[in-house]
């Protein structure tokens, strides 16, 4: 059994899930961290990483 999601600022469960979905949108490498305090979602943090590819040395 799961408890309903609650958030501060009067948001309902659908709003919280929409915010989580928005944080995941377009994320290729990284993470989304959801912080809960006393059963309420208080923070959604998105960390995005960009992978850089090393270029092969040019031959003259």
Protein backbone atom coordinates (compact mmCIF):
# COMPACT_ATOMS: atom_id res chain seq x y z
CA UNK A 1 0.00 0.00 0.00
CA UNK A 2 1.43 3.36 -0.96
CA UNK A 3 0.69 6.68 0.66
CA UNK A 4 -0.67 9.48 -1.51
CA UNK A 5 1.87 12.05 -2.63
CA UNK A 6 1.46 15.45 -1.06
CA UNK A 7 3.42 18.57 -1.77
CA UNK A 8 3.78 21.98 -0.27
CA UNK A 9 2.26 25.03 -1.96
CA UNK A 10 -1.14 23.29 -2.20
CA UNK A 11 -0.23 21.06 -5.15
CA UNK A 12 -2.11 17.80 -5.56
CA UNK A 13 -0.71 14.42 -6.61
CA UNK A 14 -1.23 15.10 -10.32
CA UNK A 15 0.76 18.35 -10.08
CA UNK A 16 3.63 16.61 -8.27
CA UNK A 17 3.73 13.82 -10.86
CA UNK A 18 3.67 16.41 -13.66
CA UNK A 19 6.64 18.21 -12.08
CA UNK A 20 8.57 14.92 -11.85
CA UNK A 21 7.75 14.12 -15.47
CA UNK A 22 8.92 17.60 -16.53
CA UNK A 23 12.23 17.03 -14.71
CA UNK A 24 12.71 13.77 -16.63
CA UNK A 25 11.79 15.28 -20.01
CA UNK A 26 14.77 15.28 -22.37
CA UNK A 27 17.19 13.95 -19.75
CA UNK A 28 19.73 11.65 -21.44
CA UNK A 29 22.40 11.30 -18.74
CA UNK A 30 21.88 12.29 -15.14
CA UNK A 31 19.45 11.87 -12.29
CA UNK A 32 16.28 13.23 -10.73
CA UNK A 33 16.20 13.33 -6.93
CA UNK A 34 12.91 13.71 -5.06
CA UNK A 35 13.15 14.89 -1.46
CA UNK A 36 10.28 14.02 0.90
CA UNK A 37 9.81 15.43 4.40
CA UNK A 38 6.96 14.30 6.67
CA UNK A 39 5.25 12.60 3.72
CA UNK A 40 5.38 15.71 1.55
CA UNK A 41 7.41 16.23 -1.60
CA UNK A 42 9.46 19.32 -0.78
CA UNK A 43 12.08 19.34 -3.56
CA UNK A 44 12.71 17.93 -7.02
CA UNK A 45 16.32 18.26 -8.18
CA UNK A 46 17.56 17.53 -11.70
CA UNK A 47 21.23 16.83 -12.33
CA UNK A 48 22.23 16.60 -15.97
CA UNK A 49 25.53 15.34 -17.29
CA UNK A 50 26.98 16.05 -20.69
CA UNK A 51 29.28 13.40 -22.14
CA UNK A 52 32.17 14.81 -24.16
CA UNK A 53 33.76 12.60 -26.80
CA UNK A 54 37.53 12.80 -27.28
CA UNK A 55 38.44 13.62 -30.87
CA UNK A 56 40.98 11.51 -32.72
CA UNK A 57 44.27 13.37 -33.34
CA UNK A 58 44.55 14.90 -36.83
CA UNK A 59 47.21 13.48 -39.14
CA UNK A 60 49.14 15.83 -41.36
